[in-house]
Protein backbone atom coordinates (compact mmCIF):
# COMPACT_ATOMS: atom_id res chain seq x y z
CA MET A 1 -25.15 -20.10 -6.43
CA PHE A 2 -21.84 -20.90 -8.14
CA GLY A 3 -21.41 -24.04 -6.03
CA LEU A 4 -24.78 -25.41 -7.14
CA ALA A 5 -23.63 -25.21 -10.76
CA ALA A 6 -21.12 -27.95 -9.98
CA ILE A 7 -23.92 -30.49 -9.41
CA PRO A 8 -25.07 -30.88 -13.04
CA SER A 9 -21.43 -30.78 -14.16
CA ILE A 10 -20.59 -33.72 -11.90
CA LEU A 11 -23.69 -35.63 -13.00
CA LEU A 12 -22.79 -35.08 -16.66
CA ALA A 13 -19.21 -36.26 -16.06
CA LEU A 14 -20.47 -39.41 -14.36
CA GLY A 15 -22.99 -40.01 -17.12
CA MET A 16 -20.39 -39.66 -19.87
CA GLY A 17 -18.24 -42.20 -18.05
CA LEU A 18 -21.05 -44.72 -18.50
CA SER A 19 -21.93 -43.64 -22.04
CA PRO A 20 -20.75 -45.84 -24.94
CA GLU A 21 -18.14 -44.38 -27.30
CA SER A 22 -19.17 -43.37 -30.82
CA PRO A 23 -19.17 -46.50 -33.04
CA ARG A 24 -18.13 -44.35 -36.00
CA TRP A 25 -15.05 -43.04 -34.16
CA LEU A 26 -14.10 -46.51 -32.91
CA PHE A 27 -14.41 -47.91 -36.43
CA GLN A 28 -12.23 -45.11 -37.82
CA GLN A 29 -9.58 -45.95 -35.23
CA GLY A 30 -9.59 -49.59 -36.33
CA LYS A 31 -11.24 -50.82 -33.12
CA LYS A 32 -13.88 -52.93 -34.83
CA SER A 33 -14.69 -55.23 -31.91
CA GLU A 34 -15.22 -52.25 -29.62
CA ALA A 35 -17.35 -50.61 -32.30
CA GLU A 36 -19.55 -53.71 -32.45
CA LYS A 37 -20.01 -53.66 -28.66
CA SER A 38 -20.95 -49.98 -28.79
CA ILE A 39 -23.46 -50.59 -31.60
CA GLN A 40 -25.02 -53.42 -29.60
CA THR A 41 -25.41 -51.13 -26.60
CA LEU A 42 -26.93 -48.31 -28.64
CA TYR A 43 -29.07 -50.14 -31.20
CA GLY A 44 -29.38 -53.75 -30.05
CA LYS A 45 -27.64 -56.95 -31.12
CA GLU A 46 -29.80 -57.41 -34.22
CA ARG A 47 -28.50 -54.21 -35.87
CA VAL A 48 -24.77 -54.79 -35.38
CA SER A 49 -24.18 -56.26 -38.85
CA GLU A 50 -26.26 -53.58 -40.58
CA VAL A 51 -24.51 -50.64 -38.90
CA MET A 52 -21.05 -52.17 -39.36
CA LEU A 53 -21.79 -52.58 -43.08
CA ASP A 54 -22.82 -48.90 -43.31
CA LEU A 55 -19.60 -47.86 -41.58
CA THR A 56 -17.53 -50.06 -43.89
CA ASN A 57 -19.17 -48.65 -47.02
CA ALA A 58 -18.72 -45.10 -45.74
CA GLY A 59 -15.06 -45.75 -45.04
CA GLN A 60 -14.48 -47.18 -48.51
CA GLY A 61 -16.23 -44.23 -50.12
CA SER A 62 -14.11 -41.54 -48.45
CA ALA A 63 -10.38 -42.15 -48.46
CA GLU A 64 -9.46 -38.47 -48.20
CA PRO A 65 -7.54 -37.29 -45.12
CA GLU A 66 -9.12 -35.02 -42.54
CA ALA A 67 -9.46 -31.45 -43.79
CA GLY A 68 -7.35 -28.58 -42.53
CA TRP A 69 -8.78 -25.30 -41.26
CA PHE A 70 -8.25 -23.52 -44.59
CA ASP A 71 -10.20 -26.25 -46.39
CA LEU A 72 -13.35 -25.02 -44.63
CA PHE A 73 -13.20 -21.83 -46.71
CA SER A 74 -12.67 -23.58 -50.05
CA SER A 75 -15.34 -23.43 -52.74
CA ARG A 76 -16.08 -27.08 -52.12
CA TYR A 77 -17.11 -26.66 -48.47
CA TRP A 78 -17.71 -22.97 -47.81
CA LYS A 79 -21.44 -23.02 -48.53
CA VAL A 80 -22.25 -25.77 -46.06
CA VAL A 81 -19.81 -24.37 -43.46
CA SER A 82 -21.44 -20.95 -43.77
CA VAL A 83 -24.84 -22.53 -43.12
CA GLY A 84 -23.60 -23.93 -39.81
CA ALA A 85 -22.07 -20.64 -38.73
CA ALA A 86 -25.13 -18.67 -39.87
CA LEU A 87 -27.57 -20.83 -37.90
CA PHE A 88 -25.74 -20.15 -34.66
CA LEU A 89 -25.31 -16.48 -35.56
CA PHE A 90 -29.05 -16.11 -36.16
CA GLN A 91 -29.75 -18.06 -32.97
CA GLN A 92 -27.88 -15.50 -30.88
CA LEU A 93 -28.70 -12.32 -32.82
CA ALA A 94 -32.38 -13.25 -32.45
CA GLY A 95 -31.95 -12.25 -28.81
CA ILE A 96 -32.42 -15.43 -26.80
CA ASN A 97 -29.69 -14.80 -24.27
CA ALA A 98 -30.64 -11.15 -23.94
CA VAL A 99 -34.16 -12.29 -23.06
CA VAL A 100 -32.96 -14.95 -20.61
CA TYR A 101 -30.20 -12.86 -19.00
CA TYR A 102 -32.35 -9.79 -18.50
CA SER A 103 -35.89 -11.14 -18.28
CA THR A 104 -36.15 -10.20 -14.61
CA SER A 105 -35.07 -6.62 -15.38
CA VAL A 106 -37.59 -6.38 -18.22
CA PHE A 107 -40.38 -7.78 -16.06
CA ARG A 108 -39.49 -5.41 -13.22
CA SER A 109 -39.65 -2.42 -15.58
CA VAL A 110 -43.34 -3.15 -16.18
CA GLY A 111 -44.17 -3.70 -12.53
CA ILE A 112 -43.46 -7.43 -12.06
CA GLU A 113 -41.38 -7.46 -8.88
CA SER A 114 -40.83 -11.19 -8.30
CA ASP A 115 -37.49 -12.10 -9.90
CA VAL A 116 -37.87 -15.73 -8.84
CA ALA A 117 -41.28 -16.04 -10.48
CA ALA A 118 -40.00 -14.45 -13.70
CA SER A 119 -36.95 -16.72 -13.91
CA ALA A 120 -38.97 -19.82 -13.05
CA LEU A 121 -41.53 -19.04 -15.74
CA VAL A 122 -38.85 -18.57 -18.41
CA GLY A 123 -37.04 -21.74 -17.34
CA ALA A 124 -40.22 -23.81 -17.33
CA ALA A 125 -41.08 -22.65 -20.85
CA ASN A 126 -37.59 -23.60 -22.04
CA VAL A 127 -37.73 -27.08 -20.51
CA PHE A 128 -41.24 -27.77 -21.79
CA GLY A 129 -40.45 -26.61 -25.32
CA THR A 130 -37.27 -28.69 -25.50
CA ALA A 131 -39.17 -31.78 -24.36
CA VAL A 132 -41.76 -31.24 -27.08
CA ALA A 133 -39.06 -30.63 -29.69
CA SER A 134 -37.35 -33.93 -28.87
CA SER A 135 -40.56 -35.78 -29.75
CA LEU A 136 -41.17 -33.79 -32.95
CA MET A 137 -37.63 -33.76 -34.34
CA ASP A 138 -37.86 -36.95 -36.41
CA ARG A 139 -41.55 -36.56 -37.24
CA GLN A 140 -41.71 -32.96 -38.41
CA GLY A 141 -38.14 -32.58 -39.65
CA ARG A 142 -35.33 -30.23 -38.68
CA LYS A 143 -36.02 -27.58 -41.30
CA ASN A 144 -39.72 -27.33 -40.47
CA LEU A 145 -39.00 -26.92 -36.77
CA LEU A 146 -36.43 -24.20 -37.47
CA THR A 147 -38.89 -22.30 -39.68
CA PHE A 148 -41.73 -22.60 -37.18
CA SER A 149 -39.45 -21.65 -34.30
CA PHE A 150 -38.01 -18.47 -35.82
CA THR A 151 -41.48 -17.43 -37.04
CA GLY A 152 -42.87 -17.82 -33.52
CA MET A 153 -39.90 -15.89 -32.10
CA ALA A 154 -40.50 -13.03 -34.57
CA ALA A 155 -44.19 -12.83 -33.63
CA SER A 156 -43.35 -12.88 -29.92
CA MET A 157 -40.75 -10.14 -30.28
CA LEU A 158 -43.22 -8.03 -32.27
CA LEU A 159 -45.77 -8.50 -29.48
CA LEU A 160 -43.19 -7.42 -26.90
CA SER A 161 -42.22 -4.38 -28.95
CA LEU A 162 -45.82 -3.25 -29.41
CA SER A 163 -46.62 -3.75 -25.73
CA PHE A 164 -44.08 -1.02 -24.91
CA THR A 165 -45.12 1.48 -27.63
CA TRP A 166 -48.85 1.27 -28.32
CA LYS A 167 -50.71 3.41 -25.82
CA VAL A 168 -53.84 1.35 -26.30
CA LEU A 169 -51.95 -1.64 -24.89
CA ALA A 170 -50.51 0.27 -21.93
CA PRO A 171 -53.01 -1.14 -19.38
CA TYR A 172 -51.97 -4.65 -20.40
CA SER A 173 -48.23 -4.07 -20.90
CA GLY A 174 -47.22 -6.17 -17.90
CA THR A 175 -49.30 -9.15 -18.96
CA LEU A 176 -48.19 -8.84 -22.58
CA ALA A 177 -44.52 -8.61 -21.53
CA VAL A 178 -44.82 -11.89 -19.63
CA LEU A 179 -46.81 -13.56 -22.41
CA GLY A 180 -44.44 -12.38 -25.15
CA THR A 181 -41.33 -13.46 -23.24
CA VAL A 182 -42.72 -16.90 -22.41
CA LEU A 183 -43.92 -17.46 -25.99
CA TYR A 184 -40.54 -16.33 -27.29
CA VAL A 185 -38.61 -18.77 -25.09
CA LEU A 186 -41.08 -21.54 -25.91
CA SER A 187 -40.70 -20.90 -29.65
CA PHE A 188 -36.91 -20.85 -29.32
CA SER A 189 -36.80 -24.16 -27.47
CA LEU A 190 -38.94 -25.83 -30.15
CA GLY A 191 -36.36 -25.37 -32.90
CA ALA A 192 -33.82 -22.55 -32.89
CA GLY A 193 -32.34 -23.84 -29.64
CA PRO A 194 -31.91 -27.61 -30.10
CA VAL A 195 -31.95 -28.08 -33.89
CA PRO A 196 -28.67 -26.40 -34.97
CA ALA A 197 -26.55 -28.58 -32.69
CA LEU A 198 -28.22 -31.68 -34.13
CA LEU A 199 -28.26 -30.51 -37.74
CA LEU A 200 -24.62 -29.49 -38.02
CA PRO A 201 -23.01 -32.94 -37.65
CA GLU A 202 -25.54 -34.23 -40.18
CA ILE A 203 -24.78 -31.74 -42.95
CA PHE A 204 -20.99 -31.63 -42.65
CA ALA A 205 -18.88 -34.08 -44.66
CA SER A 206 -16.87 -36.52 -42.55
CA ARG A 207 -13.50 -34.95 -43.33
CA ILE A 208 -14.57 -31.45 -42.21
CA ARG A 209 -17.10 -32.35 -39.50
CA ALA A 210 -14.96 -31.81 -36.39
CA LYS A 211 -13.47 -28.48 -37.46
CA ALA A 212 -16.69 -27.17 -39.02
CA VAL A 213 -18.67 -27.89 -35.86
CA ALA A 214 -15.93 -26.22 -33.80
CA LEU A 215 -16.08 -23.14 -36.04
CA SER A 216 -19.87 -22.94 -35.76
CA LEU A 217 -19.79 -23.27 -31.97
CA GLY A 218 -17.11 -20.58 -31.88
CA MET A 219 -19.53 -18.30 -33.75
CA HIS A 220 -22.17 -19.20 -31.16
CA TRP A 221 -20.10 -18.15 -28.16
CA ILE A 222 -18.64 -15.02 -29.76
CA SER A 223 -22.09 -13.72 -30.69
CA ASN A 224 -23.41 -14.79 -27.27
CA PHE A 225 -20.68 -12.73 -25.60
CA VAL A 226 -21.32 -9.67 -27.78
CA ILE A 227 -25.10 -9.72 -27.16
CA GLY A 228 -24.63 -10.13 -23.41
CA LEU A 229 -22.05 -7.35 -23.30
CA TYR A 230 -23.90 -4.69 -25.30
CA PHE A 231 -27.59 -5.48 -24.84
CA LEU A 232 -28.26 -3.10 -21.94
CA SER A 233 -26.17 -0.35 -23.53
CA VAL A 234 -28.15 -0.59 -26.77
CA VAL A 235 -31.43 -0.65 -24.81
CA ASN A 236 -30.43 2.51 -22.94
CA LYS A 237 -29.61 4.26 -26.22
CA PHE A 238 -32.46 3.14 -28.47
CA GLY A 239 -35.12 1.82 -26.10
CA ILE A 240 -36.32 -1.70 -25.40
CA SER A 241 -39.10 -1.54 -28.01
CA THR A 242 -36.68 -0.74 -30.83
CA VAL A 243 -34.27 -3.46 -29.73
CA TYR A 244 -37.05 -6.04 -29.65
CA LEU A 245 -38.18 -4.92 -33.10
CA GLY A 246 -34.60 -5.49 -34.29
CA PHE A 247 -34.66 -9.00 -32.84
CA ALA A 248 -37.95 -9.68 -34.66
CA THR A 249 -36.34 -8.57 -37.93
CA VAL A 250 -33.41 -10.93 -37.39
CA CYS A 251 -35.86 -13.80 -36.83
CA LEU A 252 -37.63 -13.08 -40.12
CA LEU A 253 -34.30 -12.92 -41.94
CA ALA A 254 -33.47 -16.31 -40.41
CA VAL A 255 -36.71 -17.77 -41.81
CA LEU A 256 -35.78 -16.58 -45.31
CA TYR A 257 -32.22 -17.88 -44.98
CA ILE A 258 -33.40 -21.30 -43.80
CA ALA A 259 -35.89 -21.59 -46.67
CA VAL A 260 -33.13 -21.04 -49.24
CA ASN A 261 -30.04 -22.68 -47.71
CA VAL A 262 -30.92 -25.39 -45.16
CA VAL A 263 -31.49 -28.97 -46.33
CA GLU A 264 -33.81 -31.41 -44.62
CA THR A 265 -31.99 -34.32 -42.96
CA LYS A 266 -34.92 -36.22 -41.45
CA GLY A 267 -34.80 -39.95 -42.12
CA ARG A 268 -31.46 -39.86 -43.94
CA SER A 269 -28.21 -41.40 -42.81
CA LEU A 270 -25.07 -39.30 -42.39
CA GLU A 271 -23.63 -40.89 -45.52
CA GLU A 272 -26.75 -40.10 -47.61
CA ILE A 273 -26.70 -36.46 -46.48
CA GLU A 274 -22.99 -36.20 -47.19
CA ARG A 275 -23.44 -37.58 -50.71
CA ALA A 276 -26.33 -35.17 -51.36
CA LEU A 277 -24.36 -32.12 -50.24
CA ASN A 278 -20.98 -33.20 -51.61
CA PRO A 279 -21.61 -35.55 -54.55
CA VAL A 280 -17.92 -35.62 -55.51
CA VAL A 281 -16.83 -37.04 -52.11
């Protein structure tokens, strides 16, 4: 099992070896000819001049040095940095990894004995939803997908919670557990899963982007670890229905937070988004 995990790692390493370097990074390092070659590979020869002009204008408009770690917590940047960290915090506290890690145990508790079938069903829903999200990202917008995703996750978690508590649903608890779990993973993969990683580099100003993304991803893995570590203990103490109801509440809180704090980035360049969020830069 562990050996098989090396296969996608090797494929990714080989693929990155063939992938062009970021034109923005090359331009910042003064490697303009290499940046032009990278732009040609990514966008085509006809867009080289246009993209190079955008990079030049962006460079002229931001002469400040790269920010330090403490700058992330300044009044100038804290709001946007907190949005990045909060998105990943909500992503994990909404229960996705608890559902994925322990889906077979949950299914087994309601009489579904095939672990392979349970895992395959969850994985297929994740892959399908991500494929759909990739086609909707630029048409529907990041914020809309996030809102729809967390709303669907809340409804799915509520369905799961009720399937374990309402006696009238007891004859259908197994079916509802499978349906709720699959719908939850599908909803997650439509927005809450892929969107934060795409949105973060778009909302962070150039001088804080690297460190702010690192901080947000750190929040992701810390909360991931905590959920994985304590999920079963909390279930044993409070019951699976209560835990799922808590996850549904987190999803609804995420919807409210997104409505107030997240900006739409669809159809806007990185420089336009940066100017909108940080007009003094």
